[in-house]
Amino acid sequence: MLTDTELLAIILGSGMPGKSVLALSREILHDNGNNLARVCRMTTHELTTKYQGVGPAKAISLMAAIEFGSRCVHALGESGAQSPMSSSKAVYGHMRQKLERLGHEEFWVLYLNRSNRIISSERVSQGGLVATVVDVRILMKSALDRMATGLILCHNHPSGSLRPSGQDDALTKKITEAGRLLDIAVLDHVIIGQTGYYSYRDEGRI
């Protein structure tokens, strides 16, 4: 089995005068604490400005390889949108590819039928590093338009913290109360970070 250094070297293809591709790969990994998650979150600009021997073409090739690998993991981890979202683990498996590597917050909603199968998933808000703004009225209109009977809320924490903020708690309560009036159950709110997830339902908070 190839090491992480060897796999990265294959993607990069070549080094530079005085530095082999293996040495370049070793430098990138070492500089990121040999943490592949940190490498995955690097941008093409960071790669080209931080490492001699990594030009735009190599940086784009690495980003493409990361994205392709992420999509493969997502495809292997789910058995299709028709599988019931019966646990926080299933929600995490379905949404992590979309959220865990982002550098900004996004808020998504999974609209479910009576069997807890996904009717559709929608990004309802995109924000900055620490917050998003969600219009509960628009969210509920979307649920009614889709004839959804259940909702699962998802958003990410780019900071890496998995603990919900006071804003997260307030928004969860507001959406849950609005759903109750319309007979639409909010089944969970899953916060996705760089190392895992937090589930309101698992913690008995929803």
C-alpha atoms as a PDB file:
ATOM      1  CA  MET A   1       0.000   0.000   0.000  1.00  0.00           C
ATOM      2  CA  LEU A   2       1.315   3.423  -0.923  1.00  0.00           C
ATOM      3  CA  THR A   3       2.035   5.959   1.808  1.00  0.00           C
ATOM      4  CA  ASP A   4       0.368   9.378   1.939  1.00  0.00           C
ATOM      5  CA  THR A   5       3.638  10.910   0.743  1.00  0.00           C
ATOM      6  CA  GLU A   6       3.821   8.580  -2.252  1.00  0.00           C
ATOM      7  CA  LEU A   7       0.181   9.163  -3.204  1.00  0.00           C
ATOM      8  CA  LEU A   8       0.635  12.930  -3.012  1.00  0.00           C
ATOM      9  CA  ALA A   9       3.792  12.636  -5.117  1.00  0.00           C
ATOM     10  CA  ILE A  10       1.866  10.781  -7.820  1.00  0.00           C
ATOM     11  CA  ILE A  11      -0.743  13.557  -7.921  1.00  0.00           C
ATOM     12  CA  LEU A  12       1.866  16.334  -8.064  1.00  0.00           C
ATOM     13  CA  GLY A  13       3.837  14.499 -10.738  1.00  0.00           C
ATOM     14  CA  SER A  14       7.176  16.282 -10.449  1.00  0.00           C
ATOM     15  CA  GLY A  15       9.286  18.335  -8.119  1.00  0.00           C
ATOM     16  CA  MET A  16      11.703  21.127  -8.978  1.00  0.00           C
ATOM     17  CA  PRO A  17      15.479  21.525  -9.395  1.00  0.00           C
ATOM     18  CA  GLY A  18      17.050  20.555  -6.097  1.00  0.00           C
ATOM     19  CA  LYS A  19      13.833  19.117  -4.639  1.00  0.00           C
ATOM     20  CA  SER A  20      12.303  15.819  -5.680  1.00  0.00           C
ATOM     21  CA  VAL A  21       8.564  15.344  -5.849  1.00  0.00           C
ATOM     22  CA  LEU A  22       8.791  13.064  -2.799  1.00  0.00           C
ATOM     23  CA  ALA A  23      10.601  15.777  -0.847  1.00  0.00           C
ATOM     24  CA  LEU A  24       7.973  18.328  -1.916  1.00  0.00           C
ATOM     25  CA  SER A  25       5.165  16.005  -0.862  1.00  0.00           C
ATOM     26  CA  ARG A  26       6.873  15.331   2.455  1.00  0.00           C
ATOM     27  CA  GLU A  27       7.228  19.074   3.046  1.00  0.00           C
ATOM     28  CA  ILE A  28       3.532  19.752   2.400  1.00  0.00           C
ATOM     29  CA  LEU A  29       2.389  16.970   4.694  1.00  0.00           C
ATOM     30  CA  HIS A  30       4.856  17.819   7.461  1.00  0.00           C
ATOM     31  CA  ASP A  31       3.927  21.492   7.300  1.00  0.00           C
ATOM     32  CA  ASN A  32       0.306  20.470   7.965  1.00  0.00           C
ATOM     33  CA  GLY A  33       1.123  18.132  10.823  1.00  0.00           C
ATOM     34  CA  ASN A  34       0.622  15.095   8.556  1.00  0.00           C
ATOM     35  CA  ASN A  35      -3.073  15.860   8.883  1.00  0.00           C
ATOM     36  CA  LEU A  36      -4.834  15.132   5.596  1.00  0.00           C
ATOM     37  CA  ALA A  37      -7.906  17.092   6.695  1.00  0.00           C
ATOM     38  CA  ARG A  38      -5.767  20.242   6.907  1.00  0.00           C
ATOM     39  CA  VAL A  39      -4.318  19.597   3.448  1.00  0.00           C
ATOM     40  CA  CYS A  40      -7.840  19.113   2.066  1.00  0.00           C
ATOM     41  CA  ARG A  41      -8.878  22.546   3.294  1.00  0.00           C
ATOM     42  CA  MET A  42      -5.999  24.380   1.605  1.00  0.00           C
ATOM     43  CA  THR A  43      -6.805  26.597  -1.379  1.00  0.00           C
ATOM     44  CA  THR A  44      -4.962  26.739  -4.675  1.00  0.00           C
ATOM     45  CA  HIS A  45      -3.694  30.191  -3.695  1.00  0.00           C
ATOM     46  CA  GLU A  46      -2.246  28.855  -0.438  1.00  0.00           C
ATOM     47  CA  LEU A  47      -0.550  25.956  -2.192  1.00  0.00           C
ATOM     48  CA  THR A  48       1.057  28.066  -4.919  1.00  0.00           C
ATOM     49  CA  THR A  49       2.243  30.845  -2.615  1.00  0.00           C
ATOM     50  CA  LYS A  50       3.444  28.658   0.259  1.00  0.00           C
ATOM     51  CA  TYR A  51       5.335  25.908  -1.560  1.00  0.00           C
ATOM     52  CA  GLN A  52       8.031  26.364  -4.151  1.00  0.00           C
ATOM     53  CA  GLY A  53       7.515  23.833  -6.895  1.00  0.00           C
ATOM     54  CA  VAL A  54       3.709  23.947  -6.717  1.00  0.00           C
ATOM     55  CA  GLY A  55       2.311  25.978  -9.601  1.00  0.00           C
ATOM     56  CA  PRO A  56      -1.317  26.524 -10.605  1.00  0.00           C
ATOM     57  CA  ALA A  57      -1.495  23.284 -12.610  1.00  0.00           C
ATOM     58  CA  LYS A  58      -0.280  21.122  -9.705  1.00  0.00           C
ATOM     59  CA  ALA A  59      -2.505  22.917  -7.218  1.00  0.00           C
ATOM     60  CA  ILE A  60      -5.562  22.425  -9.424  1.00  0.00           C
ATOM     61  CA  SER A  61      -4.680  18.746  -9.928  1.00  0.00           C
ATOM     62  CA  LEU A  62      -4.486  18.270  -6.166  1.00  0.00           C
ATOM     63  CA  MET A  63      -7.800  20.077  -5.598  1.00  0.00           C
ATOM     64  CA  ALA A  64      -9.413  17.924  -8.287  1.00  0.00           C
ATOM     65  CA  ALA A  65      -8.050  14.723  -6.719  1.00  0.00           C
ATOM     66  CA  ILE A  66      -9.346  15.776  -3.290  1.00  0.00           C
ATOM     67  CA  GLU A  67     -12.782  16.572  -4.671  1.00  0.00           C
ATOM     68  CA  PHE A  68     -12.934  13.312  -6.633  1.00  0.00           C
ATOM     69  CA  GLY A  69     -11.930  11.319  -3.548  1.00  0.00           C
ATOM     70  CA  SER A  70     -14.519  13.150  -1.470  1.00  0.00           C
ATOM     71  CA  ARG A  71     -17.243  12.317  -3.990  1.00  0.00           C
ATOM     72  CA  CYS A  72     -16.180   8.661  -3.995  1.00  0.00           C
ATOM     73  CA  VAL A  73     -16.426   8.503  -0.201  1.00  0.00           C
ATOM     74  CA  HIS A  74     -19.842  10.151  -0.358  1.00  0.00           C
ATOM     75  CA  ALA A  75     -21.052   7.703  -3.002  1.00  0.00           C
ATOM     76  CA  LEU A  76     -19.777   4.702  -1.043  1.00  0.00           C
ATOM     77  CA  GLY A  77     -21.218   5.971   2.217  1.00  0.00           C
ATOM     78  CA  GLU A  78     -24.781   6.429   1.075  1.00  0.00           C
ATOM     79  CA  SER A  79     -27.177   4.040  -0.599  1.00  0.00           C
ATOM     80  CA  GLY A  80     -29.103   6.789  -2.324  1.00  0.00           C
ATOM     81  CA  ALA A  81     -31.443   9.620  -1.475  1.00  0.00           C
ATOM     82  CA  GLN A  82     -34.281   7.120  -1.025  1.00  0.00           C
ATOM     83  CA  SER A  83     -32.690   5.693   2.127  1.00  0.00           C
ATOM     84  CA  PRO A  84     -34.446   6.890   5.294  1.00  0.00           C
ATOM     85  CA  MET A  85     -32.627   9.514   7.339  1.00  0.00           C
ATOM     86  CA  SER A  86     -33.187   7.396  10.443  1.00  0.00           C
ATOM     87  CA  SER A  87     -30.160   8.488  12.465  1.00  0.00           C
ATOM     88  CA  SER A  88     -27.720  11.349  12.901  1.00  0.00           C
ATOM     89  CA  LYS A  89     -25.018   9.091  11.439  1.00  0.00           C
ATOM     90  CA  ALA A  90     -27.046   8.743   8.223  1.00  0.00           C
ATOM     91  CA  VAL A  91     -27.479  12.522   8.035  1.00  0.00           C
ATOM     92  CA  TYR A  92     -23.761  13.059   8.621  1.00  0.00           C
ATOM     93  CA  GLY A  93     -22.884  10.553   5.910  1.00  0.00           C
ATOM     94  CA  HIS A  94     -25.240  12.290   3.496  1.00  0.00           C
ATOM     95  CA  MET A  95     -24.109  15.859   4.206  1.00  0.00           C
ATOM     96  CA  ARG A  96     -20.445  15.768   5.246  1.00  0.00           C
ATOM     97  CA  GLN A  97     -19.124  15.933   1.685  1.00  0.00           C
ATOM     98  CA  LYS A  98     -20.971  19.201   1.172  1.00  0.00           C
ATOM     99  CA  LEU A  99     -20.020  20.854   4.441  1.00  0.00           C
ATOM    100  CA  GLU A 100     -16.976  19.600   6.321  1.00  0.00           C
ATOM    101  CA  ARG A 101     -14.279  21.265   4.180  1.00  0.00           C
ATOM    102  CA  LEU A 102     -15.931  24.678   3.753  1.00  0.00           C
ATOM    103  CA  GLY A 103     -14.283  27.815   5.102  1.00  0.00           C
ATOM    104  CA  HIS A 104     -17.632  29.557   5.626  1.00  0.00           C
ATOM    105  CA  GLU A 105     -20.945  28.572   7.190  1.00  0.00           C
ATOM    106  CA  GLU A 106     -23.794  27.105   5.166  1.00  0.00           C
ATOM    107  CA  PHE A 107     -27.233  26.110   6.414  1.00  0.00           C
ATOM    108  CA  TRP A 108     -29.034  23.235   4.674  1.00  0.00           C
ATOM    109  CA  VAL A 109     -32.441  21.655   5.119  1.00  0.00           C
ATOM    110  CA  LEU A 110     -33.417  18.089   4.259  1.00  0.00           C
ATOM    111  CA  TYR A 111     -37.127  17.928   3.408  1.00  0.00           C
ATOM    112  CA  LEU A 112     -38.568  14.514   4.280  1.00  0.00           C
ATOM    113  CA  ASN A 113     -41.704  12.522   3.558  1.00  0.00           C
ATOM    114  CA  ARG A 114     -43.595  10.411   6.107  1.00  0.00           C
ATOM    115  CA  SER A 115     -41.056   7.600   5.712  1.00  0.00           C
ATOM    116  CA  ASN A 116     -38.198   9.995   6.543  1.00  0.00           C
ATOM    117  CA  ARG A 117     -36.904   9.709   3.007  1.00  0.00           C
ATOM    118  CA  ILE A 118     -35.480  12.807   1.367  1.00  0.00           C
ATOM    119  CA  ILE A 119     -37.778  14.674  -0.980  1.00  0.00           C
ATOM    120  CA  SER A 120     -35.072  17.257  -1.616  1.00  0.00           C
ATOM    121  CA  SER A 121     -32.160  18.968   0.097  1.00  0.00           C
ATOM    122  CA  GLU A 122     -31.610  22.699  -0.164  1.00  0.00           C
ATOM    123  CA  ARG A 123     -29.027  25.235   0.943  1.00  0.00           C
ATOM    124  CA  VAL A 124     -31.124  27.980   2.488  1.00  0.00           C
ATOM    125  CA  SER A 125     -28.349  30.256   3.701  1.00  0.00           C
ATOM    126  CA  GLN A 126     -24.668  30.950   3.176  1.00  0.00           C
ATOM    127  CA  GLY A 127     -22.757  33.170   5.544  1.00  0.00           C
ATOM    128  CA  GLY A 128     -19.345  34.123   6.825  1.00  0.00           C
ATOM    129  CA  LEU A 129     -16.910  32.440   9.167  1.00  0.00           C
ATOM    130  CA  VAL A 130     -19.186  32.335  12.209  1.00  0.00           C
ATOM    131  CA  ALA A 131     -22.845  32.692  11.236  1.00  0.00           C
ATOM    132  CA  THR A 132     -25.586  32.450   8.648  1.00  0.00           C
ATOM    133  CA  VAL A 133     -28.963  34.156   8.481  1.00  0.00           C
ATOM    134  CA  VAL A 134     -31.994  31.915   7.968  1.00  0.00           C
ATOM    135  CA  ASP A 135     -35.462  33.231   7.062  1.00  0.00           C
ATOM    136  CA  VAL A 136     -37.804  30.823   8.829  1.00  0.00           C
ATOM    137  CA  ARG A 137     -40.813  31.940   6.776  1.00  0.00           C
ATOM    138  CA  ILE A 138     -39.110  31.059   3.478  1.00  0.00           C
ATOM    139  CA  LEU A 139     -37.907  27.760   4.926  1.00  0.00           C
ATOM    140  CA  MET A 140     -41.434  26.792   5.956  1.00  0.00           C
ATOM    141  CA  LYS A 141     -42.884  27.876   2.611  1.00  0.00           C
ATOM    142  CA  SER A 142     -40.381  25.576   0.903  1.00  0.00           C
ATOM    143  CA  ALA A 143     -41.470  22.729   3.189  1.00  0.00           C
ATOM    144  CA  LEU A 144     -45.136  23.319   2.357  1.00  0.00           C
ATOM    145  CA  ASP A 145     -44.413  23.578  -1.371  1.00  0.00           C
ATOM    146  CA  ARG A 146     -42.697  20.183  -1.211  1.00  0.00           C
ATOM    147  CA  MET A 147     -45.452  18.712   0.986  1.00  0.00           C
ATOM    148  CA  ALA A 148     -42.770  17.707   3.481  1.00  0.00           C
ATOM    149  CA  THR A 149     -43.837  16.226   6.794  1.00  0.00           C
ATOM    150  CA  GLY A 150     -40.416  16.365   8.409  1.00  0.00           C
ATOM    151  CA  LEU A 151     -37.254  18.455   8.369  1.00  0.00           C
ATOM    152  CA  ILE A 152     -33.647  17.873   9.310  1.00  0.00           C
ATOM    153  CA  LEU A 153     -31.508  20.971   9.754  1.00  0.00           C
ATOM    154  CA  CYS A 154     -27.790  20.909   8.987  1.00  0.00           C
ATOM    155  CA  HIS A 155     -25.019  23.452   9.115  1.00  0.00           C
ATOM    156  CA  ASN A 156     -21.271  23.510   9.528  1.00  0.00           C
ATOM    157  CA  HIS A 157     -18.821  25.113  11.932  1.00  0.00           C
ATOM    158  CA  PRO A 158     -15.646  26.115  10.041  1.00  0.00           C
ATOM    159  CA  SER A 159     -13.962  26.815  13.385  1.00  0.00           C
ATOM    160  CA  GLY A 160     -13.934  23.091  14.096  1.00  0.00           C
ATOM    161  CA  SER A 161     -16.015  23.386  17.284  1.00  0.00           C
ATOM    162  CA  LEU A 162     -18.929  20.983  17.398  1.00  0.00           C
ATOM    163  CA  ARG A 163     -20.763  22.696  20.250  1.00  0.00           C
ATOM    164  CA  PRO A 164     -23.879  24.669  19.260  1.00  0.00           C
ATOM    165  CA  SER A 165     -23.854  28.396  19.885  1.00  0.00           C
ATOM    166  CA  GLY A 166     -26.623  30.393  21.539  1.00  0.00           C
ATOM    167  CA  GLN A 167     -27.679  31.484  18.049  1.00  0.00           C
ATOM    168  CA  ASP A 168     -27.873  27.834  16.967  1.00  0.00           C
ATOM    169  CA  ASP A 169     -30.093  27.029  19.945  1.00  0.00           C
ATOM    170  CA  ALA A 170     -32.379  29.997  19.306  1.00  0.00           C
ATOM    171  CA  LEU A 171     -32.757  29.213  15.603  1.00  0.00           C
ATOM    172  CA  THR A 172     -33.443  25.537  16.286  1.00  0.00           C
ATOM    173  CA  LYS A 173     -36.177  26.485  18.752  1.00  0.00           C
ATOM    174  CA  LYS A 174     -37.694  29.023  16.348  1.00  0.00           C
ATOM    175  CA  ILE A 175     -37.844  26.571  13.426  1.00  0.00           C
ATOM    176  CA  THR A 176     -39.148  23.765  15.651  1.00  0.00           C
ATOM    177  CA  GLU A 177     -41.961  25.960  16.967  1.00  0.00           C
ATOM    178  CA  ALA A 178     -42.885  27.134  13.461  1.00  0.00           C
ATOM    179  CA  GLY A 179     -42.939  23.532  12.266  1.00  0.00           C
ATOM    180  CA  ARG A 180     -45.180  22.489  15.135  1.00  0.00           C
ATOM    181  CA  LEU A 181     -47.795  25.035  14.077  1.00  0.00           C
ATOM    182  CA  LEU A 182     -47.779  23.594  10.547  1.00  0.00           C
ATOM    183  CA  ASP A 183     -47.600  19.942  11.629  1.00  0.00           C
ATOM    184  CA  ILE A 184     -44.076  19.624  10.193  1.00  0.00           C
ATOM    185  CA  ALA A 185     -41.704  17.858  12.586  1.00  0.00           C
ATOM    186  CA  VAL A 186     -38.112  19.031  12.985  1.00  0.00           C
ATOM    187  CA  LEU A 187     -36.402  15.692  13.562  1.00  0.00           C
ATOM    188  CA  ASP A 188     -32.826  16.829  14.153  1.00  0.00           C
ATOM    189  CA  HIS A 189     -30.299  19.615  13.769  1.00  0.00           C
ATOM    190  CA  VAL A 190     -26.854  18.286  12.879  1.00  0.00           C
ATOM    191  CA  ILE A 191     -23.763  20.478  13.166  1.00  0.00           C
ATOM    192  CA  ILE A 192     -20.863  19.259  11.030  1.00  0.00           C
ATOM    193  CA  GLY A 193     -17.276  20.116  11.874  1.00  0.00           C
ATOM    194  CA  GLN A 194     -13.842  19.064  10.711  1.00  0.00           C
ATOM    195  CA  THR A 195     -13.644  16.052  13.013  1.00  0.00           C
ATOM    196  CA  GLY A 196     -17.217  14.866  13.396  1.00  0.00           C
ATOM    197  CA  TYR A 197     -20.696  16.112  14.171  1.00  0.00           C
ATOM    198  CA  TYR A 198     -23.124  17.154  16.895  1.00  0.00           C
ATOM    199  CA  SER A 199     -26.761  16.040  16.913  1.00  0.00           C
ATOM    200  CA  TYR A 200     -29.466  17.867  18.869  1.00  0.00           C
ATOM    201  CA  ARG A 201     -31.569  14.719  18.748  1.00  0.00           C
ATOM    202  CA  ASP A 202     -28.812  12.481  20.103  1.00  0.00           C
ATOM    203  CA  GLU A 203     -28.279  14.927  22.951  1.00  0.00           C
ATOM    204  CA  GLY A 204     -32.002  14.912  23.787  1.00  0.00           C
ATOM    205  CA  ARG A 205     -32.427  18.538  22.847  1.00  0.00           C
ATOM    206  CA  ILE A 206     -35.012  18.213  20.095  1.00  0.00           C
END
